[in-house]
PDB file of N, CA and C in Angstrom:
ATOM      1  N   MET A   1     -33.881 -17.798  24.844  1.00  0.00           N
ATOM      2  CA  MET A   1     -34.779 -16.746  25.225  1.00  0.00           C
ATOM      3  C   MET A   1     -35.775 -17.260  26.239  1.00  0.00           C
ATOM      4  N   ALA A   2     -35.251 -17.815  27.265  1.00  0.00           N
ATOM      5  CA  ALA A   2     -36.094 -18.387  28.300  1.00  0.00           C
ATOM      6  C   ALA A   2     -36.937 -17.307  28.950  1.00  0.00           C
ATOM      7  N   GLY A   3     -38.200 -17.620  29.171  1.00  0.00           N
ATOM      8  CA  GLY A   3     -39.094 -16.699  29.841  1.00  0.00           C
ATOM      9  C   GLY A   3     -39.845 -15.767  28.912  1.00  0.00           C
ATOM     10  N   ASN A   4     -39.401 -15.622  27.675  1.00  0.00           N
ATOM     11  CA  ASN A   4     -40.104 -14.757  26.731  1.00  0.00           C
ATOM     12  C   ASN A   4     -41.195 -15.548  26.029  1.00  0.00           C
ATOM     13  N   LEU A   5     -42.340 -14.916  25.838  1.00  0.00           N
ATOM     14  CA  LEU A   5     -43.418 -15.560  25.108  1.00  0.00           C
ATOM     15  C   LEU A   5     -43.071 -15.601  23.625  1.00  0.00           C
ATOM     16  N   PRO A   6     -43.480 -16.658  22.933  1.00  0.00           N
ATOM     17  CA  PRO A   6     -43.190 -16.719  21.495  1.00  0.00           C
ATOM     18  C   PRO A   6     -44.017 -15.700  20.721  1.00  0.00           C
ATOM     19  N   LEU A   7     -43.449 -15.232  19.624  1.00  0.00           N
ATOM     20  CA  LEU A   7     -44.165 -14.343  18.722  1.00  0.00           C
ATOM     21  C   LEU A   7     -45.212 -15.163  17.986  1.00  0.00           C
ATOM     22  N   LYS A   8     -46.455 -14.719  18.002  1.00  0.00           N
ATOM     23  CA  LYS A   8     -47.544 -15.447  17.333  1.00  0.00           C
ATOM     24  C   LYS A   8     -47.854 -14.754  16.015  1.00  0.00           C
ATOM     25  N   ILE A   9     -47.645 -15.465  14.906  1.00  0.00           N
ATOM     26  CA  ILE A   9     -47.951 -14.950  13.576  1.00  0.00           C
ATOM     27  C   ILE A   9     -49.215 -15.651  13.127  1.00  0.00           C
ATOM     28  N   LYS A  10     -50.272 -14.872  12.924  1.00  0.00           N
ATOM     29  CA  LYS A  10     -51.589 -15.448  12.661  1.00  0.00           C
ATOM     30  C   LYS A  10     -51.889 -15.661  11.186  1.00  0.00           C
ATOM     31  N   SER A  11     -51.184 -14.974  10.304  1.00  0.00           N
ATOM     32  CA  SER A  11     -51.509 -15.096   8.884  1.00  0.00           C
ATOM     33  C   SER A  11     -50.261 -14.940   8.021  1.00  0.00           C
ATOM     34  N   ILE A  12     -50.376 -15.383   6.786  1.00  0.00           N
ATOM     35  CA  ILE A  12     -49.287 -15.200   5.826  1.00  0.00           C
ATOM     36  C   ILE A  12     -49.057 -13.711   5.600  1.00  0.00           C
ATOM     37  N   GLN A  13     -50.138 -12.962   5.546  1.00  0.00           N
ATOM     38  CA  GLN A  13     -50.049 -11.505   5.370  1.00  0.00           C
ATOM     39  C   GLN A  13     -49.202 -10.880   6.477  1.00  0.00           C
ATOM     40  N   GLU A  14     -49.400 -11.321   7.704  1.00  0.00           N
ATOM     41  CA  GLU A  14     -48.642 -10.789   8.837  1.00  0.00           C
ATOM     42  C   GLU A  14     -47.161 -11.133   8.708  1.00  0.00           C
ATOM     43  N   LEU A  15     -46.848 -12.354   8.275  1.00  0.00           N
ATOM     44  CA  LEU A  15     -45.456 -12.757   8.075  1.00  0.00           C
ATOM     45  C   LEU A  15     -44.793 -11.894   7.002  1.00  0.00           C
ATOM     46  N   LEU A  16     -45.488 -11.670   5.899  1.00  0.00           N
ATOM     47  CA  LEU A  16     -44.940 -10.851   4.824  1.00  0.00           C
ATOM     48  C   LEU A  16     -44.681  -9.427   5.295  1.00  0.00           C
ATOM     49  N   GLN A  17     -45.578  -8.882   6.098  1.00  0.00           N
ATOM     50  CA  GLN A  17     -45.391  -7.528   6.633  1.00  0.00           C
ATOM     51  C   GLN A  17     -44.185  -7.476   7.561  1.00  0.00           C
ATOM     52  N   LEU A  18     -44.018  -8.488   8.401  1.00  0.00           N
ATOM     53  CA  LEU A  18     -42.876  -8.519   9.322  1.00  0.00           C
ATOM     54  C   LEU A  18     -41.545  -8.549   8.583  1.00  0.00           C
ATOM     55  N   ARG A  19     -41.510  -9.234   7.437  1.00  0.00           N
ATOM     56  CA  ARG A  19     -40.272  -9.337   6.654  1.00  0.00           C
ATOM     57  C   ARG A  19     -40.121  -8.229   5.619  1.00  0.00           C
ATOM     58  N   GLY A  20     -41.101  -7.327   5.541  1.00  0.00           N
ATOM     59  CA  GLY A  20     -41.017  -6.223   4.599  1.00  0.00           C
ATOM     60  C   GLY A  20     -41.203  -6.658   3.156  1.00  0.00           C
ATOM     61  N   LEU A  21     -42.010  -7.698   2.943  1.00  0.00           N
ATOM     62  CA  LEU A  21     -42.250  -8.226   1.604  1.00  0.00           C
ATOM     63  C   LEU A  21     -43.573  -7.704   1.056  1.00  0.00           C
ATOM     64  N   PRO A  22     -43.733  -7.707  -0.285  1.00  0.00           N
ATOM     65  CA  PRO A  22     -44.999  -7.238  -0.868  1.00  0.00           C
ATOM     66  C   PRO A  22     -46.155  -8.170  -0.521  1.00  0.00           C
ATOM     67  N   ASP A  23     -47.354  -7.625  -0.611  1.00  0.00           N
ATOM     68  CA  ASP A  23     -48.562  -8.406  -0.328  1.00  0.00           C
ATOM     69  C   ASP A  23     -48.679  -9.587  -1.280  1.00  0.00           C
ATOM     70  N   THR A  24     -49.313 -10.637  -0.805  1.00  0.00           N
ATOM     71  CA  THR A  24     -49.565 -11.809  -1.631  1.00  0.00           C
ATOM     72  C   THR A  24     -50.852 -11.604  -2.429  1.00  0.00           C
ATOM     73  N   LYS A  25     -50.938 -12.269  -3.560  1.00  0.00           N
ATOM     74  CA  LYS A  25     -52.145 -12.153  -4.382  1.00  0.00           C
ATOM     75  C   LYS A  25     -53.240 -13.097  -3.904  1.00  0.00           C
ATOM     76  N   HIS A  26     -52.869 -14.082  -3.099  1.00  0.00           N
ATOM     77  CA  HIS A  26     -53.839 -15.036  -2.572  1.00  0.00           C
ATOM     78  C   HIS A  26     -53.663 -15.092  -1.056  1.00  0.00           C
ATOM     79  N   PRO A  27     -54.723 -15.015  -0.273  1.00  0.00           N
ATOM     80  CA  PRO A  27     -54.581 -14.957   1.186  1.00  0.00           C
ATOM     81  C   PRO A  27     -54.087 -16.250   1.833  1.00  0.00           C
ATOM     82  N   LEU A  28     -54.142 -17.378   1.126  1.00  0.00           N
ATOM     83  CA  LEU A  28     -53.768 -18.654   1.734  1.00  0.00           C
ATOM     84  C   LEU A  28     -52.454 -19.229   1.224  1.00  0.00           C
ATOM     85  N   ILE A  29     -51.905 -18.662   0.151  1.00  0.00           N
ATOM     86  CA  ILE A  29     -50.691 -19.217  -0.464  1.00  0.00           C
ATOM     87  C   ILE A  29     -49.725 -18.091  -0.801  1.00  0.00           C
ATOM     88  N   SER A  30     -48.448 -18.306  -0.510  1.00  0.00           N
ATOM     89  CA  SER A  30     -47.436 -17.332  -0.902  1.00  0.00           C
ATOM     90  C   SER A  30     -46.125 -18.071  -1.133  1.00  0.00           C
ATOM     91  N   LEU A  31     -45.412 -17.703  -2.173  1.00  0.00           N
ATOM     92  CA  LEU A  31     -44.087 -18.244  -2.452  1.00  0.00           C
ATOM     93  C   LEU A  31     -43.061 -17.167  -2.131  1.00  0.00           C
ATOM     94  N   ILE A  32     -42.030 -17.557  -1.392  1.00  0.00           N
ATOM     95  CA  ILE A  32     -40.998 -16.604  -1.004  1.00  0.00           C
ATOM     96  C   ILE A  32     -39.647 -17.171  -1.426  1.00  0.00           C
ATOM     97  N   ASP A  33     -38.918 -16.419  -2.216  1.00  0.00           N
ATOM     98  CA  ASP A  33     -37.551 -16.787  -2.596  1.00  0.00           C
ATOM     99  C   ASP A  33     -36.630 -16.239  -1.518  1.00  0.00           C
ATOM    100  N   ILE A  34     -36.116 -17.102  -0.659  1.00  0.00           N
ATOM    101  CA  ILE A  34     -35.326 -16.616   0.478  1.00  0.00           C
ATOM    102  C   ILE A  34     -33.999 -16.003   0.053  1.00  0.00           C
ATOM    103  N   THR A  35     -33.534 -16.309  -1.172  1.00  0.00           N
ATOM    104  CA  THR A  35     -32.307 -15.664  -1.636  1.00  0.00           C
ATOM    105  C   THR A  35     -32.536 -14.186  -1.923  1.00  0.00           C
ATOM    106  N   ALA A  36     -33.789 -13.783  -2.114  1.00  0.00           N
ATOM    107  CA  ALA A  36     -34.107 -12.385  -2.390  1.00  0.00           C
ATOM    108  C   ALA A  36     -34.383 -11.590  -1.111  1.00  0.00           C
ATOM    109  N   LEU A  37     -34.441 -12.270   0.035  1.00  0.00           N
ATOM    110  CA  LEU A  37     -34.692 -11.571   1.298  1.00  0.00           C
ATOM    111  C   LEU A  37     -33.449 -10.799   1.725  1.00  0.00           C
ATOM    112  N   PRO A  38     -33.636  -9.618   2.280  1.00  0.00           N
ATOM    113  CA  PRO A  38     -32.476  -8.906   2.817  1.00  0.00           C
ATOM    114  C   PRO A  38     -31.910  -9.667   4.016  1.00  0.00           C
ATOM    115  N   GLU A  39     -30.587  -9.737   4.073  1.00  0.00           N
ATOM    116  CA  GLU A  39     -29.962 -10.464   5.183  1.00  0.00           C
ATOM    117  C   GLU A  39     -30.089  -9.667   6.463  1.00  0.00           C
ATOM    118  N   ARG A  40     -30.259 -10.400   7.537  1.00  0.00           N
ATOM    119  CA  ARG A  40     -30.299  -9.761   8.850  1.00  0.00           C
ATOM    120  C   ARG A  40     -28.863  -9.647   9.350  1.00  0.00           C
ATOM    121  N   PRO A  41     -28.571  -8.620  10.151  1.00  0.00           N
ATOM    122  CA  PRO A  41     -27.191  -8.411  10.602  1.00  0.00           C
ATOM    123  C   PRO A  41     -26.621  -9.577  11.408  1.00  0.00           C
ATOM    124  N   LYS A  42     -27.447 -10.269  12.167  1.00  0.00           N
ATOM    125  CA  LYS A  42     -26.983 -11.425  12.936  1.00  0.00           C
ATOM    126  C   LYS A  42     -28.149 -12.391  13.079  1.00  0.00           C
ATOM    127  N   PRO A  43     -27.870 -13.654  13.342  1.00  0.00           N
ATOM    128  CA  PRO A  43     -28.973 -14.607  13.543  1.00  0.00           C
ATOM    129  C   PRO A  43     -29.859 -14.176  14.701  1.00  0.00           C
ATOM    130  N   VAL A  44     -31.145 -14.356  14.525  1.00  0.00           N
ATOM    131  CA  VAL A  44     -32.111 -13.967  15.546  1.00  0.00           C
ATOM    132  C   VAL A  44     -32.539 -15.219  16.299  1.00  0.00           C
ATOM    133  N   ASP A  45     -32.317 -15.210  17.606  1.00  0.00           N
ATOM    134  CA  ASP A  45     -32.727 -16.331  18.444  1.00  0.00           C
ATOM    135  C   ASP A  45     -34.074 -15.977  19.058  1.00  0.00           C
ATOM    136  N   MET A  46     -35.134 -16.469  18.428  1.00  0.00           N
ATOM    137  CA  MET A  46     -36.456 -16.150  18.935  1.00  0.00           C
ATOM    138  C   MET A  46     -37.392 -17.321  18.705  1.00  0.00           C
ATOM    139  N   SER A  47     -38.422 -17.363  19.502  1.00  0.00           N
ATOM    140  CA  SER A  47     -39.451 -18.387  19.357  1.00  0.00           C
ATOM    141  C   SER A  47     -40.648 -17.767  18.663  1.00  0.00           C
ATOM    142  N   LEU A  48     -41.274 -18.550  17.795  1.00  0.00           N
ATOM    143  CA  LEU A  48     -42.490 -18.068  17.159  1.00  0.00           C
ATOM    144  C   LEU A  48     -43.424 -19.226  16.907  1.00  0.00           C
ATOM    145  N   THR A  49     -44.695 -18.898  16.831  1.00  0.00           N
ATOM    146  CA  THR A  49     -45.721 -19.866  16.469  1.00  0.00           C
ATOM    147  C   THR A  49     -46.507 -19.268  15.314  1.00  0.00           C
ATOM    148  N   THR A  50     -47.055 -20.148  14.478  1.00  0.00           N
ATOM    149  CA  THR A  50     -47.843 -19.685  13.342  1.00  0.00           C
ATOM    150  C   THR A  50     -49.151 -20.463  13.284  1.00  0.00           C
ATOM    151  N   ASP A  51     -50.123 -19.857  12.647  1.00  0.00           N
ATOM    152  CA  ASP A  51     -51.399 -20.518  12.422  1.00  0.00           C
ATOM    153  C   ASP A  51     -51.468 -21.088  11.001  1.00  0.00           C
ATOM    154  N   PHE A  52     -50.307 -21.332  10.406  1.00  0.00           N
ATOM    155  CA  PHE A  52     -50.255 -21.887   9.056  1.00  0.00           C
ATOM    156  C   PHE A  52     -49.012 -22.756   8.934  1.00  0.00           C
ATOM    157  N   TYR A  53     -48.903 -23.493   7.851  1.00  0.00           N
ATOM    158  CA  TYR A  53     -47.788 -24.405   7.624  1.00  0.00           C
ATOM    159  C   TYR A  53     -46.737 -23.776   6.729  1.00  0.00           C
ATOM    160  N   PHE A  54     -45.492 -24.208   6.907  1.00  0.00           N
ATOM    161  CA  PHE A  54     -44.385 -23.841   6.030  1.00  0.00           C
ATOM    162  C   PHE A  54     -43.987 -25.076   5.242  1.00  0.00           C
ATOM    163  N   ILE A  55     -43.705 -24.912   3.976  1.00  0.00           N
ATOM    164  CA  ILE A  55     -43.106 -25.967   3.161  1.00  0.00           C
ATOM    165  C   ILE A  55     -41.855 -25.361   2.551  1.00  0.00           C
ATOM    166  N   GLY A  56     -40.722 -25.980   2.772  1.00  0.00           N
ATOM    167  CA  GLY A  56     -39.471 -25.448   2.247  1.00  0.00           C
ATOM    168  C   GLY A  56     -38.838 -26.390   1.250  1.00  0.00           C
ATOM    169  N   MET A  57     -38.260 -25.813   0.208  1.00  0.00           N
ATOM    170  CA  MET A  57     -37.554 -26.601  -0.807  1.00  0.00           C
ATOM    171  C   MET A  57     -36.234 -25.909  -1.106  1.00  0.00           C
ATOM    172  N   SER A  58     -35.212 -26.711  -1.415  1.00  0.00           N
ATOM    173  CA  SER A  58     -33.911 -26.157  -1.752  1.00  0.00           C
ATOM    174  C   SER A  58     -33.275 -26.988  -2.845  1.00  0.00           C
ATOM    175  N   ARG A  59     -32.641 -26.326  -3.775  1.00  0.00           N
ATOM    176  CA  ARG A  59     -31.905 -27.026  -4.832  1.00  0.00           C
ATOM    177  C   ARG A  59     -30.473 -27.298  -4.399  1.00  0.00           C
ATOM    178  N   SER A  60     -30.011 -26.605  -3.395  1.00  0.00           N
ATOM    179  CA  SER A  60     -28.630 -26.713  -2.949  1.00  0.00           C
ATOM    180  C   SER A  60     -28.493 -27.748  -1.838  1.00  0.00           C
ATOM    181  N   THR A  61     -27.465 -28.576  -1.954  1.00  0.00           N
ATOM    182  CA  THR A  61     -27.180 -29.513  -0.870  1.00  0.00           C
ATOM    183  C   THR A  61     -26.390 -28.829   0.237  1.00  0.00           C
ATOM    184  N   GLU A  62     -25.897 -27.624  -0.037  1.00  0.00           N
ATOM    185  CA  GLU A  62     -25.139 -26.874   0.955  1.00  0.00           C
ATOM    186  C   GLU A  62     -26.052 -26.049   1.861  1.00  0.00           C
ATOM    187  N   ALA A  63     -27.284 -25.846   1.420  1.00  0.00           N
ATOM    188  CA  ALA A  63     -28.213 -25.046   2.222  1.00  0.00           C
ATOM    189  C   ALA A  63     -28.505 -25.764   3.532  1.00  0.00           C
ATOM    190  N   CYS A  64     -28.523 -25.011   4.585  1.00  0.00           N
ATOM    191  CA  CYS A  64     -28.762 -25.614   5.901  1.00  0.00           C
ATOM    192  C   CYS A  64     -29.619 -24.676   6.725  1.00  0.00           C
ATOM    193  N   LEU A  65     -30.624 -25.231   7.326  1.00  0.00           N
ATOM    194  CA  LEU A  65     -31.484 -24.477   8.224  1.00  0.00           C
ATOM    195  C   LEU A  65     -31.617 -25.284   9.495  1.00  0.00           C
ATOM    196  N   LYS A  66     -31.183 -24.705  10.588  1.00  0.00           N
ATOM    197  CA  LYS A  66     -31.356 -25.363  11.883  1.00  0.00           C
ATOM    198  C   LYS A  66     -32.590 -24.764  12.539  1.00  0.00           C
ATOM    199  N   MET A  67     -33.458 -25.649  12.969  1.00  0.00           N
ATOM    200  CA  MET A  67     -34.714 -25.202  13.558  1.00  0.00           C
ATOM    201  C   MET A  67     -35.038 -26.087  14.754  1.00  0.00           C
ATOM    202  N   LYS A  68     -35.515 -25.479  15.797  1.00  0.00           N
ATOM    203  CA  LYS A  68     -35.926 -26.245  16.968  1.00  0.00           C
ATOM    204  C   LYS A  68     -37.434 -26.411  16.909  1.00  0.00           C
ATOM    205  N   TYR A  69     -37.878 -27.637  17.005  1.00  0.00           N
ATOM    206  CA  TYR A  69     -39.310 -27.954  16.980  1.00  0.00           C
ATOM    207  C   TYR A  69     -39.594 -28.790  18.215  1.00  0.00           C
ATOM    208  N   GLY A  70     -40.357 -28.237  19.151  1.00  0.00           N
ATOM    209  CA  GLY A  70     -40.557 -28.934  20.424  1.00  0.00           C
ATOM    210  C   GLY A  70     -39.254 -28.941  21.197  1.00  0.00           C
ATOM    211  N   GLN A  71     -38.830 -30.103  21.632  1.00  0.00           N
ATOM    212  CA  GLN A  71     -37.576 -30.218  22.379  1.00  0.00           C
ATOM    213  C   GLN A  71     -36.407 -30.657  21.512  1.00  0.00           C
ATOM    214  N   GLN A  72     -36.658 -30.894  20.222  1.00  0.00           N
ATOM    215  CA  GLN A  72     -35.621 -31.395  19.311  1.00  0.00           C
ATOM    216  C   GLN A  72     -35.127 -30.291  18.385  1.00  0.00           C
ATOM    217  N   GLU A  73     -33.832 -30.332  18.051  1.00  0.00           N
ATOM    218  CA  GLU A  73     -33.294 -29.430  17.044  1.00  0.00           C
ATOM    219  C   GLU A  73     -33.083 -30.226  15.768  1.00  0.00           C
ATOM    220  N   TYR A  74     -33.567 -29.698  14.651  1.00  0.00           N
ATOM    221  CA  TYR A  74     -33.463 -30.373  13.369  1.00  0.00           C
ATOM    222  C   TYR A  74     -32.510 -29.619  12.466  1.00  0.00           C
ATOM    223  N   ASP A  75     -31.708 -30.350  11.715  1.00  0.00           N
ATOM    224  CA  ASP A  75     -30.751 -29.812  10.778  1.00  0.00           C
ATOM    225  C   ASP A  75     -31.211 -30.206   9.395  1.00  0.00           C
ATOM    226  N   PHE A  76     -31.803 -29.278   8.660  1.00  0.00           N
ATOM    227  CA  PHE A  76     -32.376 -29.594   7.357  1.00  0.00           C
ATOM    228  C   PHE A  76     -31.293 -29.499   6.286  1.00  0.00           C
ATOM    229  N   ARG A  77     -30.644 -30.616   6.007  1.00  0.00           N
ATOM    230  CA  ARG A  77     -29.632 -30.690   4.944  1.00  0.00           C
ATOM    231  C   ARG A  77     -30.080 -31.650   3.905  1.00  0.00           C
TER     232      ARG A  77
END
């Protein structure tokens, strides 16, 4: 998506609204079970920035998330 500005997500509340999830009970912390998220019809190739941190955990060794951070692509296996 060369030339497009990244989507800026300023709060956890904004992220939850974008994904159609219920409001969080605490403004600074939210737990999201990604298996409960509705699947998107196809992978979305987009850039985004956030004003908060993500921490991800998985029990499955088969789970894979490819993410580009800076100029590097990371494969979280």
